[in-house]
Protein backbone atom coordinates (compact mmCIF):
# COMPACT_ATOMS: atom_id res chain seq x y z
CA UNK A 1 63.37 -15.96 -11.69
CA UNK A 2 61.60 -12.68 -13.39
CA UNK A 3 58.59 -14.82 -14.98
CA UNK A 4 58.14 -16.61 -11.66
CA UNK A 5 58.07 -12.55 -9.94
CA UNK A 6 56.34 -11.25 -12.81
CA UNK A 7 53.68 -14.14 -12.11
CA UNK A 8 53.34 -13.85 -8.31
CA UNK A 9 52.63 -9.64 -9.48
CA UNK A 10 50.24 -10.15 -12.30
CA UNK A 11 48.40 -12.34 -9.27
CA UNK A 12 48.56 -10.05 -6.24
CA UNK A 13 47.02 -7.78 -8.47
CA UNK A 14 44.25 -9.74 -9.37
CA UNK A 15 43.34 -11.10 -6.45
CA UNK A 16 43.91 -6.35 -5.19
CA UNK A 17 41.38 -5.97 -7.71
CA UNK A 18 38.69 -8.54 -6.31
CA UNK A 19 38.74 -7.65 -2.85
CA UNK A 20 38.93 -3.84 -3.76
CA UNK A 21 35.97 -3.37 -5.84
CA UNK A 22 31.90 -3.78 -5.05
CA UNK A 23 30.39 -7.27 -5.50
CA UNK A 24 27.01 -8.82 -4.76
CA UNK A 25 26.78 -10.05 -0.65
CA UNK A 26 25.88 -13.76 -0.53
CA UNK A 27 22.77 -14.27 1.65
CA UNK A 28 22.43 -14.88 4.57
CA UNK A 29 21.79 -19.08 5.49
CA UNK A 30 18.25 -19.59 7.15
CA UNK A 31 17.29 -15.80 6.77
CA UNK A 32 13.66 -15.21 7.40
CA UNK A 33 11.00 -15.18 4.66
CA UNK A 34 7.61 -14.07 5.04
CA UNK A 35 5.40 -12.81 2.35
CA UNK A 36 2.29 -11.05 2.14
CA UNK A 37 -0.89 -10.09 -0.68
CA UNK A 38 0.25 -6.27 -1.91
CA UNK A 39 3.36 -4.63 -2.95
CA UNK A 40 2.10 -1.55 0.13
CA UNK A 41 2.72 -4.60 3.04
CA UNK A 42 5.83 -5.77 0.95
CA UNK A 43 6.83 -2.27 1.77
CA UNK A 44 6.24 -2.03 4.97
CA UNK A 45 8.26 -5.49 4.96
CA UNK A 46 10.81 -4.15 3.58
CA UNK A 47 11.89 -1.25 5.38
CA UNK A 48 11.23 -2.85 9.14
CA UNK A 49 13.07 -6.01 8.47
CA UNK A 50 15.26 -4.69 6.24
CA UNK A 51 17.76 -7.25 5.17
CA UNK A 52 16.54 -10.31 8.01
CA UNK A 53 13.97 -11.34 5.58
CA UNK A 54 13.31 -12.28 2.43
CA UNK A 55 10.03 -10.92 1.58
CA UNK A 56 7.76 -12.40 -1.05
CA UNK A 57 4.84 -10.28 -2.66
CA UNK A 58 2.08 -12.34 -4.00
CA UNK A 59 -0.01 -10.63 -6.19
CA UNK A 60 1.88 -8.68 -8.68
CA UNK A 61 1.53 -5.03 -9.73
CA UNK A 62 -1.19 -3.91 -11.93
CA UNK A 63 -3.72 -7.44 -11.07
CA UNK A 64 -6.75 -7.32 -9.47
CA UNK A 65 -6.49 -7.86 -5.71
CA UNK A 66 -9.92 -9.04 -4.78
CA UNK A 67 -10.72 -11.70 -7.83
CA UNK A 68 -6.71 -12.64 -7.62
CA UNK A 69 -6.48 -15.93 -7.84
CA UNK A 70 -2.85 -18.75 -6.62
CA UNK A 71 -0.90 -19.81 -9.59
CA UNK A 72 1.16 -23.34 -9.26
CA UNK A 73 3.97 -21.06 -9.14
CA UNK A 74 2.83 -19.00 -6.40
CA UNK A 75 2.66 -22.10 -3.95
CA UNK A 76 5.92 -23.39 -4.92
CA UNK A 77 7.16 -19.48 -3.64
CA UNK A 78 5.17 -20.00 -0.67
CA UNK A 79 6.69 -22.69 0.16
CA UNK A 80 9.07 -21.41 3.16
CA UNK A 81 7.53 -18.66 4.23
CA UNK A 82 6.98 -18.68 8.29
CA UNK A 83 4.17 -16.00 8.08
CA UNK A 84 2.35 -14.40 6.20
CA UNK A 85 0.61 -10.74 6.99
CA UNK A 86 -2.66 -10.15 4.95
CA UNK A 87 -4.40 -6.71 5.20
CA UNK A 88 -7.31 -9.46 6.57
CA UNK A 89 -11.50 -8.70 6.40
CA UNK A 90 -12.14 -10.94 2.84
CA UNK A 91 -9.19 -8.79 1.08
CA UNK A 92 -7.85 -11.63 -0.23
CA UNK A 93 -9.83 -14.32 -0.96
CA UNK A 94 -7.52 -16.70 -1.99
CA UNK A 95 -6.62 -17.19 1.33
CA UNK A 96 -8.56 -20.91 2.16
CA UNK A 97 -6.84 -21.82 -1.55
CA UNK A 98 -3.49 -21.23 0.11
CA UNK A 99 -4.32 -23.45 3.07
CA UNK A 100 -5.63 -26.22 1.82
CA UNK A 101 -2.22 -26.29 -0.57
CA UNK A 102 0.44 -25.59 1.76
CA UNK A 103 2.43 -28.58 2.93
CA UNK A 104 3.79 -26.88 5.92
CA UNK A 105 1.68 -24.70 8.16
CA UNK A 106 2.19 -20.44 7.55
CA UNK A 107 1.00 -18.43 10.58
CA UNK A 108 -1.14 -16.04 8.90
CA UNK A 109 -1.12 -12.61 10.41
CA UNK A 110 -3.96 -9.78 9.58
CA UNK A 111 -2.85 -6.58 9.98
CA UNK A 112 -5.92 -4.43 10.30
CA UNK A 113 -5.81 -5.44 14.51
CA UNK A 114 -6.39 -2.05 16.04
CA UNK A 115 -7.97 -0.85 12.98
CA UNK A 116 -11.48 0.75 13.72
CA UNK A 117 -13.19 -0.41 10.82
CA UNK A 118 -15.42 2.09 7.91
CA UNK A 119 -18.17 0.04 6.49
CA UNK A 120 -19.38 -0.62 3.60
CA UNK A 121 -22.86 -0.04 2.54
CA UNK A 122 -23.08 -3.63 2.68
CA UNK A 123 -21.88 -3.76 6.42
CA UNK A 124 -19.12 -5.24 5.27
CA UNK A 125 -15.44 -3.61 6.60
CA UNK A 126 -13.62 -1.47 3.68
CA UNK A 127 -9.95 -3.74 3.26
CA UNK A 128 -8.35 -0.58 1.78
CA UNK A 129 -6.89 0.32 5.20
CA UNK A 130 -3.11 1.13 4.13
CA UNK A 131 -4.19 4.42 1.53
CA UNK A 132 -4.17 6.09 5.55
CA UNK A 133 -1.51 7.49 7.34
CA UNK A 134 -2.95 7.01 10.88
CA UNK A 135 -3.34 3.21 9.86
CA UNK A 136 -0.11 2.44 8.75
CA UNK A 137 1.17 3.56 12.08
CA UNK A 138 -0.71 0.74 12.92
CA UNK A 139 0.52 -1.55 10.96
CA UNK A 140 4.20 -0.95 11.81
CA UNK A 141 3.29 -2.03 15.31
CA UNK A 142 1.97 -5.03 14.25
CA UNK A 143 4.54 -6.32 11.50
CA UNK A 144 7.41 -5.30 13.34
CA UNK A 145 5.73 -7.26 17.32
CA UNK A 146 5.28 -10.09 14.95
CA UNK A 147 9.03 -10.37 13.11
CA UNK A 148 9.76 -10.04 16.76
CA UNK A 149 8.11 -12.64 17.46
CA UNK A 150 8.88 -15.79 15.37
CA UNK A 151 12.94 -13.88 15.16
CA UNK A 152 13.52 -12.38 18.80
CA UNK A 153 16.98 -11.64 18.44
CA UNK A 154 16.31 -8.80 16.14
CA UNK A 155 13.93 -7.61 18.32
CA UNK A 156 15.71 -4.44 18.72
CA UNK A 157 16.81 -3.50 14.90
CA UNK A 158 12.42 -4.08 14.23
CA UNK A 159 11.31 -1.82 16.54
CA UNK A 160 14.36 0.68 15.34
CA UNK A 161 13.35 0.54 11.89
CA UNK A 162 9.78 0.36 12.87
CA UNK A 163 10.06 4.13 14.93
CA UNK A 164 12.63 5.74 11.88
CA UNK A 165 9.62 4.87 9.62
CA UNK A 166 6.54 5.90 12.02
CA UNK A 167 8.64 9.44 12.44
CA UNK A 168 8.62 9.87 9.10
CA UNK A 169 4.81 8.90 9.00
CA UNK A 170 3.45 11.64 11.15
CA UNK A 171 6.10 13.96 9.86
CA UNK A 172 4.38 13.38 5.88
CA UNK A 173 0.51 13.17 7.54
CA UNK A 174 1.16 16.93 10.33
CA UNK A 175 1.55 18.24 6.28
CA UNK A 176 -1.08 17.10 4.40
CA UNK A 177 -3.46 18.04 7.73
CA UNK A 178 -2.40 22.25 7.43
CA UNK A 179 -3.04 21.56 4.05
CA UNK A 180 -5.98 20.05 3.68
CA UNK A 181 -7.47 22.43 6.75
CA UNK A 182 -6.88 25.24 4.85
CA UNK A 183 -9.82 23.82 2.22
CA UNK A 184 -13.26 24.72 2.52
CA UNK A 185 -14.56 21.96 0.14
CA UNK A 186 -13.32 19.20 0.69
CA UNK A 187 -15.73 16.80 -1.44
CA UNK A 188 -15.26 14.02 -3.35
CA UNK A 189 -16.52 11.22 -5.31
CA UNK A 190 -14.84 7.73 -5.57
CA UNK A 191 -15.03 5.20 -8.33
CA UNK A 192 -13.67 2.86 -6.05
CA UNK A 193 -13.93 2.38 -1.62
CA UNK A 194 -10.20 2.67 -1.31
CA UNK A 195 -10.20 6.14 0.12
CA UNK A 196 -12.64 6.08 2.43
CA UNK A 197 -9.64 5.92 5.56
CA UNK A 198 -7.55 9.23 3.77
CA UNK A 199 -11.17 10.94 3.68
CA UNK A 200 -11.63 9.85 7.65
CA UNK A 201 -7.87 11.33 8.22
CA UNK A 202 -8.40 14.63 6.25
CA UNK A 203 -11.66 15.37 7.65
CA UNK A 204 -12.75 14.99 3.57
CA UNK A 205 -15.59 13.99 2.14
CA UNK A 206 -16.13 11.26 0.50
CA UNK A 207 -20.37 11.51 -0.83
CA UNK A 208 -20.77 9.10 -3.12
CA UNK A 209 -18.57 5.54 -4.03
CA UNK A 210 -19.35 4.19 -7.84
CA UNK A 211 -18.15 0.54 -7.43
CA UNK A 212 -18.20 -1.16 -4.08
CA UNK A 213 -16.92 -4.41 -5.93
CA UNK A 214 -15.84 -5.90 -9.08
CA UNK A 215 -18.33 -5.02 -11.24
CA UNK A 216 -21.08 -3.82 -9.03
CA UNK A 217 -22.64 -0.78 -11.45
CA UNK A 218 -24.80 1.48 -9.74
CA UNK A 219 -28.59 1.69 -10.90
CA UNK A 220 -28.70 4.32 -13.55
CA UNK A 221 -31.33 5.72 -10.66
CA UNK A 222 -28.27 5.95 -7.74
CA UNK A 223 -26.16 7.31 -10.20
CA UNK A 224 -28.50 10.47 -11.29
CA UNK A 225 -28.57 10.85 -7.32
CA UNK A 226 -25.04 10.98 -7.05
CA UNK A 227 -24.78 13.43 -9.74
CA UNK A 228 -27.73 15.99 -8.42
CA UNK A 229 -25.75 15.35 -5.07
CA UNK A 230 -22.35 17.24 -6.15
CA UNK A 231 -23.81 19.62 -7.99
CA UNK A 232 -25.53 20.21 -4.39
CA UNK A 233 -22.30 19.78 -2.71
CA UNK A 234 -19.65 21.87 -5.45
CA UNK A 235 -18.53 18.62 -5.89
CA UNK A 236 -15.99 18.26 -8.56
CA UNK A 237 -13.06 15.09 -8.38
CA UNK A 238 -13.60 12.28 -9.15
CA UNK A 239 -11.20 9.97 -7.46
CA UNK A 240 -10.24 6.69 -9.78
CA UNK A 241 -7.80 4.14 -10.37
CA UNK A 242 -7.57 2.39 -13.75
CA UNK A 243 -8.13 -1.32 -12.36
CA UNK A 244 -12.13 -0.24 -11.92
CA UNK A 245 -14.66 0.97 -14.57
CA UNK A 246 -12.87 4.50 -15.57
CA UNK A 247 -15.60 5.12 -18.37
CA UNK A 248 -18.48 5.60 -15.34
CA UNK A 249 -16.01 7.57 -13.52
CA UNK A 250 -15.24 10.02 -17.23
CA UNK A 251 -18.86 10.25 -17.23
CA UNK A 252 -19.44 11.29 -14.14
CA UNK A 253 -17.14 14.24 -14.28
CA UNK A 254 -18.47 15.47 -17.55
CA UNK A 255 -22.15 15.84 -15.60
CA UNK A 256 -20.42 17.36 -12.59
CA UNK A 257 -18.08 19.59 -14.57
CA UNK A 258 -15.26 18.57 -12.79
CA UNK A 259 -12.22 16.54 -13.39
CA UNK A 260 -11.05 12.87 -13.02
CA UNK A 261 -7.88 12.16 -10.78
CA UNK A 262 -5.81 8.70 -11.29
CA UNK A 263 -4.17 8.04 -8.65
CA UNK A 264 -1.97 4.62 -7.75
CA UNK A 265 -3.97 2.18 -5.35
CA UNK A 266 -1.11 -0.19 -4.86
CA UNK A 267 2.01 1.24 -5.82
CA UNK A 268 5.21 -1.78 -6.15
CA UNK A 269 7.01 -3.59 -3.57
CA UNK A 270 10.27 -1.18 -4.64
CA UNK A 271 8.25 1.94 -3.95
CA UNK A 272 7.58 2.74 0.08
CA UNK A 273 4.22 3.11 2.03
CA UNK A 274 5.16 6.34 2.98
CA UNK A 275 6.02 7.23 -0.38
CA UNK A 276 2.74 6.03 -1.88
CA UNK A 277 1.26 7.47 0.46
CA UNK A 278 2.48 11.35 -0.53
CA UNK A 279 2.31 10.49 -4.28
CA UNK A 280 -2.07 10.62 -3.86
CA UNK A 281 -2.07 13.19 -1.25
CA UNK A 282 -0.48 16.02 -3.63
CA UNK A 283 -2.45 15.44 -6.30
CA UNK A 284 -5.56 15.38 -3.79
CA UNK A 285 -4.43 18.17 -2.49
CA UNK A 286 -3.90 20.35 -5.79
CA UNK A 287 -7.46 19.08 -7.55
CA UNK A 288 -9.16 20.49 -4.51
CA UNK A 289 -7.37 23.38 -4.07
CA UNK A 290 -7.86 24.54 -8.11
CA UNK A 291 -12.14 24.57 -7.81
CA UNK A 292 -12.06 27.13 -4.73
CA UNK A 293 -10.06 29.44 -2.52
CA UNK A 294 -8.84 28.85 0.58
CA UNK A 295 -10.01 29.43 3.72
CA UNK A 296 -7.34 32.10 5.31
CA UNK A 297 -9.85 32.81 8.46
CA UNK A 298 -8.01 30.36 10.37
């Protein structure tokens, strides 16, 4: 009898421990599967969809999006996706390959809808739309709307999360609008046209771009003219990233007596889009502030 009682007590304690200690939630059945090309869009979708969707990010951090090619393992991951959110404007060159090989049709949504494009010298629209507070707000609306269309039972949830995200972006945008407004010289050179939309948000002046596309190196004459232009305008800042010819950016900075600021263009799927924005905006502001006195006339 005593042994039987001891066994019952032991069993009860084990069950109590199982119930009390945290354990991972089981995956929901029929979870909506959504894919996207780059980490900034993946983070947006995660913030809007929460636990109601599995988000697949196709291009890994550190890869060059313009030249990325799908691998067989990517095709396997994408087989179950119902939606694919893409930047569009010829940013994702692998989309045609995807459409040919997927057995099930996936709906592709280009998140550039409603965004006024900035054009390259080649007349092609600049696709780096996620590095702008104003654009992120538009993209957030687009994502919430299309998630709601494919999963209408969670429409209220998606738009509630979207509005919470938009509020954070608006607060960030307002704060940096005030900070940049205090600067007299807001000019910079870009190693790649990743920052054109951010410049438009805050009335910054991008006086030149070193490399519009992969391996598109400017001519010696174009480099000479850009250096002269920077000297005339007092430009001291080159915005760069590690994916696009840092050697050329460093050379230009030396010639104009300025500095190269290396920024994060793509972040990671676990970095929220507004955190990525702040991570880039603050160093840009600080770098521009180093070379002038704030304008206190306003």
